[in-house]
Amino acid sequence: MEEVLESARQIFRKHNFDFFVEILVESPRAVLVLFGVFFDKADPADTQRASDWYAEIRTAMIEAGYPPYRETAQSSPHVFDHNATTRKFLSSIKNALDPNGTLAPGRYGIK
């Protein structure tokens, strides 16, 4: 846990955000670590900084073996990047039910 938090602190510092974390103990073997940033959505530079932070912290946590427990709209196209079998299976279902691709186009990383 200390290694994860230190890695996150460095990413927060790099992108000039206050370190904000919530740690939820789910069971003796599981915790949820929730990171957050506060920024001005009306400011394009601030929005880009938050987007860059998100991409970096998401990648760092996945590489450390801590995948997201819930995806966001920003990351949903990449939810199956490490699970090609599930992506292929869900794509076949979506194509059978939605052959014209009108439902949630481009979402969830399936076509």
N, C-alpha and C. Protein backbone atom coordinates (compact mmCIF):
# COMPACT_ATOMS: atom_id res chain seq x y z
N MET A 1 0.83 -1.19 0.00
CA MET A 1 0.00 0.00 0.00
C MET A 1 0.87 1.25 0.00
N GLU A 2 1.95 1.22 0.78
CA GLU A 2 2.83 2.39 0.83
C GLU A 2 3.45 2.68 -0.53
N GLU A 3 3.82 1.63 -1.27
CA GLU A 3 4.40 1.82 -2.60
C GLU A 3 3.39 2.44 -3.56
N VAL A 4 2.16 1.96 -3.51
CA VAL A 4 1.11 2.50 -4.38
C VAL A 4 0.87 3.97 -4.07
N LEU A 5 0.78 4.28 -2.79
CA LEU A 5 0.51 5.67 -2.41
C LEU A 5 1.68 6.59 -2.78
N GLU A 6 2.91 6.12 -2.63
CA GLU A 6 4.05 6.95 -3.00
C GLU A 6 4.10 7.18 -4.51
N SER A 7 3.82 6.14 -5.28
CA SER A 7 3.75 6.29 -6.73
C SER A 7 2.69 7.32 -7.11
N ALA A 8 1.55 7.23 -6.47
CA ALA A 8 0.46 8.17 -6.75
C ALA A 8 0.85 9.59 -6.35
N ARG A 9 1.50 9.75 -5.20
CA ARG A 9 1.93 11.08 -4.76
C ARG A 9 2.82 11.75 -5.81
N GLN A 10 3.72 10.97 -6.38
CA GLN A 10 4.62 11.52 -7.40
C GLN A 10 3.85 11.99 -8.63
N ILE A 11 2.83 11.23 -9.02
CA ILE A 11 2.03 11.61 -10.19
C ILE A 11 1.20 12.87 -9.88
N PHE A 12 0.65 12.94 -8.68
CA PHE A 12 -0.08 14.14 -8.28
C PHE A 12 0.85 15.36 -8.33
N ARG A 13 2.05 15.21 -7.76
CA ARG A 13 3.02 16.32 -7.76
C ARG A 13 3.38 16.74 -9.18
N LYS A 14 3.66 15.75 -10.03
CA LYS A 14 4.07 16.03 -11.40
C LYS A 14 3.04 16.89 -12.12
N HIS A 15 1.76 16.63 -11.86
CA HIS A 15 0.68 17.36 -12.54
C HIS A 15 0.13 18.52 -11.71
N ASN A 16 0.81 18.81 -10.60
CA ASN A 16 0.47 19.94 -9.73
C ASN A 16 -0.96 19.88 -9.18
N PHE A 17 -1.30 18.70 -8.66
CA PHE A 17 -2.58 18.54 -7.97
C PHE A 17 -2.34 18.19 -6.51
N ASP A 18 -3.26 18.61 -5.65
CA ASP A 18 -3.21 18.19 -4.25
C ASP A 18 -3.45 16.69 -4.19
N PHE A 19 -2.73 16.02 -3.30
CA PHE A 19 -2.88 14.58 -3.13
C PHE A 19 -4.21 14.31 -2.43
N PHE A 20 -5.11 13.64 -3.13
CA PHE A 20 -6.42 13.30 -2.59
C PHE A 20 -6.63 11.80 -2.77
N VAL A 21 -6.82 11.10 -1.66
CA VAL A 21 -7.01 9.66 -1.72
C VAL A 21 -7.98 9.24 -0.62
N GLU A 22 -8.79 8.26 -0.95
CA GLU A 22 -9.65 7.59 0.03
C GLU A 22 -9.29 6.12 -0.01
N ILE A 23 -9.13 5.51 1.15
CA ILE A 23 -8.82 4.09 1.23
C ILE A 23 -10.00 3.42 1.94
N LEU A 24 -10.64 2.52 1.24
CA LEU A 24 -11.79 1.81 1.78
C LEU A 24 -11.41 0.35 2.01
N VAL A 25 -11.51 -0.09 3.24
CA VAL A 25 -11.20 -1.49 3.55
C VAL A 25 -12.46 -2.30 3.30
N GLU A 26 -12.40 -3.17 2.31
CA GLU A 26 -13.55 -3.98 1.92
C GLU A 26 -13.59 -5.30 2.70
N SER A 27 -12.42 -5.86 2.95
CA SER A 27 -12.31 -7.12 3.68
C SER A 27 -10.86 -7.24 4.13
N PRO A 28 -10.54 -8.30 4.87
CA PRO A 28 -9.13 -8.46 5.27
C PRO A 28 -8.17 -8.61 4.09
N ARG A 29 -8.69 -8.91 2.91
CA ARG A 29 -7.84 -9.11 1.74
C ARG A 29 -8.04 -8.09 0.64
N ALA A 30 -8.93 -7.14 0.83
CA ALA A 30 -9.23 -6.22 -0.28
C ALA A 30 -9.44 -4.79 0.23
N VAL A 31 -8.83 -3.87 -0.49
CA VAL A 31 -9.06 -2.45 -0.25
C VAL A 31 -9.33 -1.77 -1.58
N LEU A 32 -10.07 -0.70 -1.53
CA LEU A 32 -10.27 0.15 -2.70
C LEU A 32 -9.53 1.44 -2.43
N VAL A 33 -8.75 1.86 -3.39
CA VAL A 33 -8.02 3.12 -3.29
C VAL A 33 -8.62 4.05 -4.33
N LEU A 34 -9.22 5.12 -3.86
CA LEU A 34 -9.88 6.07 -4.75
C LEU A 34 -9.06 7.36 -4.79
N PHE A 35 -8.63 7.73 -5.98
CA PHE A 35 -7.89 8.97 -6.19
C PHE A 35 -8.82 9.98 -6.84
N GLY A 36 -8.59 11.24 -6.57
CA GLY A 36 -9.39 12.27 -7.21
C GLY A 36 -8.63 13.56 -7.36
N VAL A 37 -9.01 14.32 -8.35
CA VAL A 37 -8.46 15.66 -8.55
C VAL A 37 -9.61 16.64 -8.69
N PHE A 38 -9.33 17.86 -8.31
CA PHE A 38 -10.31 18.93 -8.42
C PHE A 38 -9.75 19.96 -9.39
N PHE A 39 -10.53 20.28 -10.41
CA PHE A 39 -10.05 21.18 -11.45
C PHE A 39 -11.23 21.93 -12.05
N ASP A 40 -10.92 22.96 -12.80
CA ASP A 40 -11.92 23.82 -13.43
C ASP A 40 -12.22 23.30 -14.84
N LYS A 41 -13.38 22.67 -15.01
CA LYS A 41 -13.76 22.14 -16.32
C LYS A 41 -13.90 23.22 -17.38
N ALA A 42 -14.13 24.44 -16.96
CA ALA A 42 -14.27 25.54 -17.91
C ALA A 42 -12.92 26.03 -18.43
N ASP A 43 -11.84 25.60 -17.81
CA ASP A 43 -10.50 26.00 -18.21
C ASP A 43 -9.86 24.88 -19.02
N PRO A 44 -9.68 25.09 -20.34
CA PRO A 44 -9.12 24.02 -21.18
C PRO A 44 -7.76 23.50 -20.70
N ALA A 45 -6.90 24.37 -20.21
CA ALA A 45 -5.59 23.94 -19.74
C ALA A 45 -5.72 23.08 -18.49
N ASP A 46 -6.60 23.46 -17.59
CA ASP A 46 -6.83 22.69 -16.37
C ASP A 46 -7.45 21.33 -16.70
N THR A 47 -8.37 21.33 -17.65
CA THR A 47 -9.00 20.08 -18.08
C THR A 47 -7.97 19.15 -18.71
N GLN A 48 -7.07 19.69 -19.51
CA GLN A 48 -6.02 18.87 -20.12
C GLN A 48 -5.07 18.31 -19.06
N ARG A 49 -4.73 19.13 -18.08
CA ARG A 49 -3.86 18.69 -16.99
C ARG A 49 -4.50 17.54 -16.23
N ALA A 50 -5.80 17.63 -15.98
CA ALA A 50 -6.51 16.55 -15.28
C ALA A 50 -6.57 15.30 -16.15
N SER A 51 -6.78 15.47 -17.43
CA SER A 51 -6.82 14.33 -18.34
C SER A 51 -5.46 13.63 -18.40
N ASP A 52 -4.40 14.42 -18.44
CA ASP A 52 -3.04 13.85 -18.46
C ASP A 52 -2.76 13.11 -17.15
N TRP A 53 -3.18 13.71 -16.03
CA TRP A 53 -3.02 13.05 -14.73
C TRP A 53 -3.74 11.71 -14.73
N TYR A 54 -4.99 11.71 -15.20
CA TYR A 54 -5.80 10.49 -15.19
C TYR A 54 -5.15 9.38 -16.02
N ALA A 55 -4.71 9.72 -17.21
CA ALA A 55 -4.07 8.72 -18.08
C ALA A 55 -2.83 8.14 -17.42
N GLU A 56 -2.04 9.00 -16.80
CA GLU A 56 -0.80 8.52 -16.18
C GLU A 56 -1.06 7.68 -14.94
N ILE A 57 -1.97 8.12 -14.08
CA ILE A 57 -2.19 7.35 -12.86
C ILE A 57 -2.88 6.02 -13.16
N ARG A 58 -3.78 6.03 -14.14
CA ARG A 58 -4.45 4.77 -14.53
C ARG A 58 -3.42 3.77 -15.05
N THR A 59 -2.54 4.22 -15.93
CA THR A 59 -1.50 3.34 -16.48
C THR A 59 -0.57 2.84 -15.38
N ALA A 60 -0.13 3.73 -14.50
CA ALA A 60 0.79 3.33 -13.43
C ALA A 60 0.16 2.29 -12.52
N MET A 61 -1.11 2.47 -12.18
CA MET A 61 -1.76 1.52 -11.28
C MET A 61 -1.96 0.16 -11.96
N ILE A 62 -2.32 0.16 -13.23
CA ILE A 62 -2.48 -1.10 -13.96
C ILE A 62 -1.14 -1.82 -14.05
N GLU A 63 -0.08 -1.08 -14.39
CA GLU A 63 1.25 -1.69 -14.48
C GLU A 63 1.73 -2.24 -13.15
N ALA A 64 1.29 -1.64 -12.05
CA ALA A 64 1.66 -2.11 -10.71
C ALA A 64 0.78 -3.28 -10.26
N GLY A 65 -0.21 -3.63 -11.09
CA GLY A 65 -1.08 -4.77 -10.75
C GLY A 65 -2.36 -4.39 -10.05
N TYR A 66 -2.72 -3.12 -10.14
CA TYR A 66 -3.94 -2.63 -9.49
C TYR A 66 -4.88 -2.03 -10.53
N PRO A 67 -5.65 -2.86 -11.21
CA PRO A 67 -6.56 -2.34 -12.24
C PRO A 67 -7.73 -1.59 -11.61
N PRO A 68 -8.36 -0.71 -12.38
CA PRO A 68 -9.52 0.01 -11.86
C PRO A 68 -10.66 -0.95 -11.53
N TYR A 69 -11.35 -0.68 -10.46
CA TYR A 69 -12.51 -1.52 -10.14
C TYR A 69 -13.74 -1.02 -10.86
N ARG A 70 -13.69 0.21 -11.36
CA ARG A 70 -14.78 0.78 -12.14
C ARG A 70 -14.18 1.76 -13.14
N GLU A 71 -14.62 1.65 -14.38
CA GLU A 71 -14.10 2.53 -15.43
C GLU A 71 -14.93 3.81 -15.51
N THR A 72 -14.33 4.82 -16.10
CA THR A 72 -15.03 6.08 -16.34
C THR A 72 -15.33 6.19 -17.83
N ALA A 73 -16.10 7.17 -18.20
CA ALA A 73 -16.38 7.39 -19.63
C ALA A 73 -15.08 7.65 -20.38
N GLN A 74 -14.13 8.30 -19.73
CA GLN A 74 -12.85 8.60 -20.37
C GLN A 74 -12.04 7.34 -20.65
N SER A 75 -12.12 6.36 -19.77
CA SER A 75 -11.29 5.17 -19.93
C SER A 75 -12.03 3.96 -20.47
N SER A 76 -13.35 4.05 -20.61
CA SER A 76 -14.12 2.87 -21.03
C SER A 76 -13.68 2.27 -22.36
N PRO A 77 -13.18 3.06 -23.33
CA PRO A 77 -12.72 2.41 -24.57
C PRO A 77 -11.54 1.46 -24.35
N HIS A 78 -10.89 1.57 -23.19
CA HIS A 78 -9.70 0.75 -22.92
C HIS A 78 -9.96 -0.35 -21.90
N VAL A 79 -11.21 -0.52 -21.50
CA VAL A 79 -11.52 -1.47 -20.43
C VAL A 79 -11.07 -2.90 -20.75
N PHE A 80 -11.07 -3.28 -22.00
CA PHE A 80 -10.68 -4.65 -22.35
C PHE A 80 -9.32 -4.72 -23.04
N ASP A 81 -8.50 -3.70 -22.88
CA ASP A 81 -7.17 -3.70 -23.50
C ASP A 81 -6.34 -4.91 -23.09
N HIS A 82 -6.55 -5.39 -21.89
CA HIS A 82 -5.78 -6.53 -21.39
C HIS A 82 -6.61 -7.81 -21.38
N ASN A 83 -7.72 -7.81 -22.10
CA ASN A 83 -8.59 -8.99 -22.12
C ASN A 83 -9.25 -9.10 -23.49
N ALA A 84 -8.45 -9.50 -24.47
CA ALA A 84 -8.93 -9.59 -25.85
C ALA A 84 -10.05 -10.61 -26.01
N THR A 85 -10.03 -11.67 -25.24
CA THR A 85 -11.07 -12.70 -25.34
C THR A 85 -12.43 -12.14 -24.97
N THR A 86 -12.50 -11.41 -23.88
CA THR A 86 -13.77 -10.80 -23.46
C THR A 86 -14.22 -9.77 -24.47
N ARG A 87 -13.28 -8.94 -24.97
CA ARG A 87 -13.63 -7.93 -25.98
C ARG A 87 -14.25 -8.61 -27.21
N LYS A 88 -13.64 -9.69 -27.68
CA LYS A 88 -14.14 -10.38 -28.87
C LYS A 88 -15.53 -10.97 -28.61
N PHE A 89 -15.70 -11.57 -27.44
CA PHE A 89 -16.99 -12.17 -27.09
C PHE A 89 -18.09 -11.11 -27.03
N LEU A 90 -17.82 -10.01 -26.31
CA LEU A 90 -18.83 -8.96 -26.19
C LEU A 90 -19.09 -8.26 -27.52
N SER A 91 -18.06 -8.14 -28.35
CA SER A 91 -18.25 -7.55 -29.68
C SER A 91 -19.18 -8.41 -30.52
N SER A 92 -19.05 -9.74 -30.41
CA SER A 92 -19.93 -10.62 -31.19
C SER A 92 -21.38 -10.48 -30.74
N ILE A 93 -21.60 -10.34 -29.45
CA ILE A 93 -22.96 -10.14 -28.94
C ILE A 93 -23.50 -8.80 -29.42
N LYS A 94 -22.68 -7.73 -29.27
CA LYS A 94 -23.13 -6.40 -29.69
C LYS A 94 -23.45 -6.38 -31.18
N ASN A 95 -22.61 -6.99 -31.99
CA ASN A 95 -22.86 -7.02 -33.44
C ASN A 95 -24.13 -7.79 -33.78
N ALA A 96 -24.42 -8.83 -33.04
CA ALA A 96 -25.65 -9.60 -33.29
C ALA A 96 -26.89 -8.79 -32.91
N LEU A 97 -26.81 -8.05 -31.81
CA LEU A 97 -27.97 -7.29 -31.32
C LEU A 97 -28.07 -5.88 -31.92
N ASP A 98 -26.94 -5.35 -32.38
CA ASP A 98 -26.88 -3.98 -32.87
C ASP A 98 -26.02 -3.92 -34.13
N PRO A 99 -26.46 -4.55 -35.22
CA PRO A 99 -25.62 -4.64 -36.43
C PRO A 99 -25.27 -3.29 -37.05
N ASN A 100 -26.07 -2.25 -36.79
CA ASN A 100 -25.78 -0.94 -37.36
C ASN A 100 -24.93 -0.07 -36.44
N GLY A 101 -24.59 -0.58 -35.26
CA GLY A 101 -23.71 0.14 -34.35
C GLY A 101 -24.30 1.43 -33.80
N THR A 102 -25.60 1.43 -33.53
CA THR A 102 -26.25 2.65 -33.04
C THR A 102 -26.22 2.79 -31.53
N LEU A 103 -26.08 1.68 -30.80
CA LEU A 103 -26.06 1.73 -29.34
C LEU A 103 -24.64 1.95 -28.83
N ALA A 104 -24.44 3.03 -28.11
CA ALA A 104 -23.16 3.35 -27.47
C ALA A 104 -21.98 3.16 -28.41
N PRO A 105 -21.98 3.83 -29.56
CA PRO A 105 -20.87 3.63 -30.51
C PRO A 105 -19.53 4.06 -29.89
N GLY A 106 -18.56 3.17 -30.03
CA GLY A 106 -17.22 3.45 -29.54
C GLY A 106 -17.02 3.32 -28.05
N ARG A 107 -18.08 2.99 -27.31
CA ARG A 107 -17.95 2.87 -25.86
C ARG A 107 -17.53 1.46 -25.48
N TYR A 108 -16.92 1.37 -24.35
CA TYR A 108 -16.56 0.07 -23.74
C TYR A 108 -15.54 -0.71 -24.54
N GLY A 109 -14.91 -0.11 -25.53
CA GLY A 109 -13.88 -0.78 -26.28
C GLY A 109 -14.35 -1.91 -27.16
N ILE A 110 -15.65 -1.97 -27.42
CA ILE A 110 -16.17 -3.02 -28.30
C ILE A 110 -16.83 -2.38 -29.52
N LYS A 111 -16.79 -3.11 -30.62
CA LYS A 111 -17.38 -2.60 -31.86
C LYS A 111 -18.42 -3.54 -32.37
